[in-house]
Amino acid sequence: GKRHATGIDMDVAGKITPRWEIFASYTWIWDAEIDKKSPTNNDEQQGQRPSLIPKHQGTLWNSYQFTEKLRAGVGINARTKLTPNRNPGWYSEGYVTYDAMAEYEAIQDKLTLKANLINLTNKFYADSMYANGHYVPGVGRTVYITGSLKF
C-alpha cells in the first residue's frame, strides 16, 4: 500500500532563569491518508486515516533547582484519540498524564538520590492498539527511586 502524512513537530528547550529549565514538544498531524490500499490488508481502506496516528500529541516538562542540592520537576503528557490497526471504527480516547521528579545531591558530586513519579493520577489509557481492539495499556502510577554513586 501507499500512505502519506503531513504535519509539524516542534520542540523547545531552554532556561527561563538560571535555575528554571523547561522542555516542550508538540506534534500536529493534520493530514494523514491511505493513498493506495495494501493488497494484504482488507481492513484499512483507501481515503481513511492510517491507524496509530494521533492528530495531536505533546509534552511539557519543567524543573527547578531550589538549592544547590535539591531539584524538582513536574510534567504533562497528552495525546488525542488513537485508532487500532485494522480499524473497524473503534478508537481509544485521548489522555493526559502527569509526572513528577525530585533529586537530591546527598554528598558533593558523589551520591545523588532521585525519585520519579510516573502517571500521578493513575490514568488508565491505551498506549498502543492493534487488531480488533486489543490494546497495550499505558504505564499505571509508578515510582522509581534510584541512587547514583560516583567514585
C-alpha atoms as a PDB file:
ATOM      1  CA  GLY A   1       0.000   0.000   0.000  1.00  0.00           C
ATOM      2  CA  LYS A   2       0.830   3.669  -0.009  1.00  0.00           C
ATOM      3  CA  ARG A   3       0.121   6.359   2.579  1.00  0.00           C
ATOM      4  CA  HIS A   4       1.148   9.886   3.418  1.00  0.00           C
ATOM      5  CA  ALA A   5       1.113  12.214   6.421  1.00  0.00           C
ATOM      6  CA  THR A   6       1.531  15.967   6.660  1.00  0.00           C
ATOM      7  CA  GLY A   7       2.206  17.708   9.934  1.00  0.00           C
ATOM      8  CA  ILE A   8       4.553  19.660  12.111  1.00  0.00           C
ATOM      9  CA  ASP A   9       6.710  18.763  15.095  1.00  0.00           C
ATOM     10  CA  MET A  10       8.072  21.493  17.370  1.00  0.00           C
ATOM     11  CA  ASP A  11      10.478  21.195  20.289  1.00  0.00           C
ATOM     12  CA  VAL A  12      11.598  23.964  22.614  1.00  0.00           C
ATOM     13  CA  ALA A  13      14.187  23.567  25.358  1.00  0.00           C
ATOM     14  CA  GLY A  14      15.935  26.132  27.474  1.00  0.00           C
ATOM     15  CA  LYS A  15      16.244  28.022  30.715  1.00  0.00           C
ATOM     16  CA  ILE A  16      13.659  30.563  31.853  1.00  0.00           C
ATOM     17  CA  THR A  17      16.028  31.620  34.666  1.00  0.00           C
ATOM     18  CA  PRO A  18      19.420  30.173  35.686  1.00  0.00           C
ATOM     19  CA  ARG A  19      17.542  27.722  37.982  1.00  0.00           C
ATOM     20  CA  TRP A  20      14.391  27.008  35.927  1.00  0.00           C
ATOM     21  CA  GLU A  21      14.593  24.671  32.896  1.00  0.00           C
ATOM     22  CA  ILE A  22      11.773  23.862  30.507  1.00  0.00           C
ATOM     23  CA  PHE A  23      11.164  21.417  27.650  1.00  0.00           C
ATOM     24  CA  ALA A  24       8.102  21.386  25.410  1.00  0.00           C
ATOM     25  CA  SER A  25       7.281  19.166  22.438  1.00  0.00           C
ATOM     26  CA  TYR A  26       4.186  19.282  20.221  1.00  0.00           C
ATOM     27  CA  THR A  27       3.201  17.291  17.133  1.00  0.00           C
ATOM     28  CA  TRP A  28       0.200  18.039  14.924  1.00  0.00           C
ATOM     29  CA  ILE A  29      -0.507  15.661  12.025  1.00  0.00           C
ATOM     30  CA  TRP A  30      -3.413  17.306  10.252  1.00  0.00           C
ATOM     31  CA  ASP A  31      -3.412  15.238   7.095  1.00  0.00           C
ATOM     32  CA  ALA A  32      -2.778  11.504   7.033  1.00  0.00           C
ATOM     33  CA  GLU A  33      -4.399   9.261   4.483  1.00  0.00           C
ATOM     34  CA  ILE A  34      -4.146   5.856   2.859  1.00  0.00           C
ATOM     35  CA  ASP A  35      -3.495   6.634  -0.803  1.00  0.00           C
ATOM     36  CA  LYS A  36      -3.467   3.059  -2.023  1.00  0.00           C
ATOM     37  CA  LYS A  37      -4.748   0.113  -0.025  1.00  0.00           C
ATOM     38  CA  SER A  38      -2.365  -2.742   0.758  1.00  0.00           C
ATOM     39  CA  PRO A  39      -3.304  -5.951  -1.077  1.00  0.00           C
ATOM     40  CA  THR A  40      -2.732  -7.929   2.151  1.00  0.00           C
ATOM     41  CA  ASN A  41      -4.793  -5.680   4.478  1.00  0.00           C
ATOM     42  CA  ASN A  42      -8.535  -5.687   3.808  1.00  0.00           C
ATOM     43  CA  ASP A  43      -9.445  -3.677   6.914  1.00  0.00           C
ATOM     44  CA  GLU A  44      -7.876  -0.291   6.108  1.00  0.00           C
ATOM     45  CA  GLN A  45      -9.438   1.387   3.091  1.00  0.00           C
ATOM     46  CA  GLN A  46      -8.208   3.998   0.656  1.00  0.00           C
ATOM     47  CA  GLY A  47      -9.043   7.505   1.914  1.00  0.00           C
ATOM     48  CA  GLN A  48      -9.007   6.509   5.627  1.00  0.00           C
ATOM     49  CA  ARG A  49      -6.638   7.990   8.186  1.00  0.00           C
ATOM     50  CA  PRO A  50      -3.990   5.307   8.855  1.00  0.00           C
ATOM     51  CA  SER A  51      -4.065   3.550  12.214  1.00  0.00           C
ATOM     52  CA  LEU A  52      -1.931   4.568  15.197  1.00  0.00           C
ATOM     53  CA  ILE A  53      -1.531   8.212  14.109  1.00  0.00           C
ATOM     54  CA  PRO A  54      -2.999  10.645  16.666  1.00  0.00           C
ATOM     55  CA  LYS A  55      -3.839  14.121  15.377  1.00  0.00           C
ATOM     56  CA  HIS A  56      -2.194  15.924  18.329  1.00  0.00           C
ATOM     57  CA  GLN A  57       0.331  14.919  20.971  1.00  0.00           C
ATOM     58  CA  GLY A  58       2.613  16.869  23.245  1.00  0.00           C
ATOM     59  CA  THR A  59       4.725  17.056  26.360  1.00  0.00           C
ATOM     60  CA  LEU A  60       5.614  19.882  28.717  1.00  0.00           C
ATOM     61  CA  TRP A  61       8.283  19.363  31.374  1.00  0.00           C
ATOM     62  CA  ASN A  62       9.964  21.824  33.697  1.00  0.00           C
ATOM     63  CA  SER A  63      12.345  21.534  36.602  1.00  0.00           C
ATOM     64  CA  TYR A  64      13.602  23.983  39.194  1.00  0.00           C
ATOM     65  CA  GLN A  65      16.882  23.957  41.158  1.00  0.00           C
ATOM     66  CA  PHE A  66      15.641  25.021  44.619  1.00  0.00           C
ATOM     67  CA  THR A  67      19.048  24.795  46.316  1.00  0.00           C
ATOM     68  CA  GLU A  68      22.479  23.603  45.226  1.00  0.00           C
ATOM     69  CA  LYS A  69      21.452  20.102  46.357  1.00  0.00           C
ATOM     70  CA  LEU A  70      17.708  19.935  45.614  1.00  0.00           C
ATOM     71  CA  ARG A  71      15.975  19.942  42.210  1.00  0.00           C
ATOM     72  CA  ALA A  72      12.346  19.072  41.437  1.00  0.00           C
ATOM     73  CA  GLY A  73      10.204  18.956  38.334  1.00  0.00           C
ATOM     74  CA  VAL A  74       6.706  18.326  37.019  1.00  0.00           C
ATOM     75  CA  GLY A  75       5.402  17.483  33.580  1.00  0.00           C
ATOM     76  CA  ILE A  76       2.343  16.742  31.498  1.00  0.00           C
ATOM     77  CA  ASN A  77       1.887  14.348  28.538  1.00  0.00           C
ATOM     78  CA  ALA A  78      -1.128  14.405  26.239  1.00  0.00           C
ATOM     79  CA  ARG A  79      -2.398  12.679  23.108  1.00  0.00           C
ATOM     80  CA  THR A  80      -5.673  12.717  21.159  1.00  0.00           C
ATOM     81  CA  LYS A  81      -7.627   9.582  20.206  1.00  0.00           C
ATOM     82  CA  LEU A  82      -5.905   6.620  18.562  1.00  0.00           C
ATOM     83  CA  THR A  83      -7.369   4.026  16.175  1.00  0.00           C
ATOM     84  CA  PRO A  84      -6.114   0.425  16.117  1.00  0.00           C
ATOM     85  CA  ASN A  85      -4.506  -1.449  13.240  1.00  0.00           C
ATOM     86  CA  ARG A  86      -7.189  -2.952  11.024  1.00  0.00           C
ATOM     87  CA  ASN A  87      -9.546  -0.310  12.380  1.00  0.00           C
ATOM     88  CA  PRO A  88     -13.175  -1.469  12.414  1.00  0.00           C
ATOM     89  CA  GLY A  89     -14.254   2.006  13.592  1.00  0.00           C
ATOM     90  CA  TRP A  90     -13.034   1.686  17.179  1.00  0.00           C
ATOM     91  CA  TYR A  91     -10.694   4.111  18.908  1.00  0.00           C
ATOM     92  CA  SER A  92      -9.191   4.869  22.278  1.00  0.00           C
ATOM     93  CA  GLU A  93      -9.921   8.181  23.938  1.00  0.00           C
ATOM     94  CA  GLY A  94      -7.174  10.759  24.181  1.00  0.00           C
ATOM     95  CA  TYR A  95      -5.437  11.128  27.511  1.00  0.00           C
ATOM     96  CA  VAL A  96      -3.429  13.411  29.767  1.00  0.00           C
ATOM     97  CA  THR A  97      -0.944  12.119  32.338  1.00  0.00           C
ATOM     98  CA  TYR A  98       1.213  13.930  34.886  1.00  0.00           C
ATOM     99  CA  ASP A  99       4.725  13.111  36.121  1.00  0.00           C
ATOM    100  CA  ALA A 100       6.975  14.484  38.868  1.00  0.00           C
ATOM    101  CA  MET A 101      10.598  14.195  39.927  1.00  0.00           C
ATOM    102  CA  ALA A 102      12.753  15.124  42.932  1.00  0.00           C
ATOM    103  CA  GLU A 103      16.537  14.880  43.011  1.00  0.00           C
ATOM    104  CA  TYR A 104      18.831  15.397  45.988  1.00  0.00           C
ATOM    105  CA  GLU A 105      22.611  15.520  45.946  1.00  0.00           C
ATOM    106  CA  ALA A 106      23.471  13.856  49.234  1.00  0.00           C
ATOM    107  CA  ILE A 107      27.270  14.008  49.078  1.00  0.00           C
ATOM    108  CA  GLN A 108      29.083  16.585  46.921  1.00  0.00           C
ATOM    109  CA  ASP A 109      29.128  15.210  43.389  1.00  0.00           C
ATOM    110  CA  LYS A 110      29.348  11.672  44.790  1.00  0.00           C
ATOM    111  CA  LEU A 111      25.863  10.455  45.764  1.00  0.00           C
ATOM    112  CA  THR A 112      22.622  11.577  44.122  1.00  0.00           C
ATOM    113  CA  LEU A 113      19.193  10.256  45.089  1.00  0.00           C
ATOM    114  CA  LYS A 114      16.258  10.616  42.701  1.00  0.00           C
ATOM    115  CA  ALA A 115      12.546   9.818  42.864  1.00  0.00           C
ATOM    116  CA  ASN A 116      10.459   9.735  39.669  1.00  0.00           C
ATOM    117  CA  LEU A 117       6.672   9.512  39.871  1.00  0.00           C
ATOM    118  CA  ILE A 118       5.042   8.461  36.598  1.00  0.00           C
ATOM    119  CA  ASN A 119       1.309   8.904  35.851  1.00  0.00           C
ATOM    120  CA  LEU A 120       0.496  10.534  39.204  1.00  0.00           C
ATOM    121  CA  THR A 121      -3.290  10.236  38.810  1.00  0.00           C
ATOM    122  CA  ASN A 122      -3.063   6.568  37.755  1.00  0.00           C
ATOM    123  CA  LYS A 123      -4.877   7.358  34.491  1.00  0.00           C
ATOM    124  CA  PHE A 124      -5.989   4.242  32.597  1.00  0.00           C
ATOM    125  CA  TYR A 125      -5.269   4.682  28.886  1.00  0.00           C
ATOM    126  CA  ALA A 126      -4.315   2.749  25.762  1.00  0.00           C
ATOM    127  CA  ASP A 127      -0.684   3.377  24.838  1.00  0.00           C
ATOM    128  CA  SER A 128      -0.986   1.381  21.607  1.00  0.00           C
ATOM    129  CA  MET A 129      -3.684  -0.597  19.824  1.00  0.00           C
ATOM    130  CA  TYR A 130      -3.826  -3.354  17.264  1.00  0.00           C
ATOM    131  CA  ALA A 131      -6.217  -5.743  15.506  1.00  0.00           C
ATOM    132  CA  ASN A 132      -9.820  -5.836  16.613  1.00  0.00           C
ATOM    133  CA  GLY A 133      -9.479  -3.535  19.621  1.00  0.00           C
ATOM    134  CA  HIS A 134      -6.688  -5.275  21.520  1.00  0.00           C
ATOM    135  CA  TYR A 135      -4.555  -2.700  23.263  1.00  0.00           C
ATOM    136  CA  VAL A 136      -1.359  -2.176  25.222  1.00  0.00           C
ATOM    137  CA  PRO A 137      -2.200  -0.243  28.386  1.00  0.00           C
ATOM    138  CA  GLY A 138      -0.101   2.745  29.378  1.00  0.00           C
ATOM    139  CA  VAL A 139       2.026   2.626  32.485  1.00  0.00           C
ATOM    140  CA  GLY A 140      -0.008   2.979  35.671  1.00  0.00           C
ATOM    141  CA  ARG A 141       1.145   5.023  38.658  1.00  0.00           C
ATOM    142  CA  THR A 142       4.783   4.083  39.133  1.00  0.00           C
ATOM    143  CA  VAL A 143       7.513   5.269  41.489  1.00  0.00           C
ATOM    144  CA  TYR A 144      11.200   4.835  40.728  1.00  0.00           C
ATOM    145  CA  ILE A 145      13.761   5.591  43.417  1.00  0.00           C
ATOM    146  CA  THR A 146      17.354   5.491  42.265  1.00  0.00           C
ATOM    147  CA  GLY A 147      20.753   6.330  43.610  1.00  0.00           C
ATOM    148  CA  SER A 148      23.851   7.264  41.680  1.00  0.00           C
ATOM    149  CA  LEU A 149      27.281   6.913  43.273  1.00  0.00           C
ATOM    150  CA  LYS A 150      30.377   8.360  41.589  1.00  0.00           C
ATOM    151  CA  PHE A 151      33.830   7.237  42.685  1.00  0.00           C
END
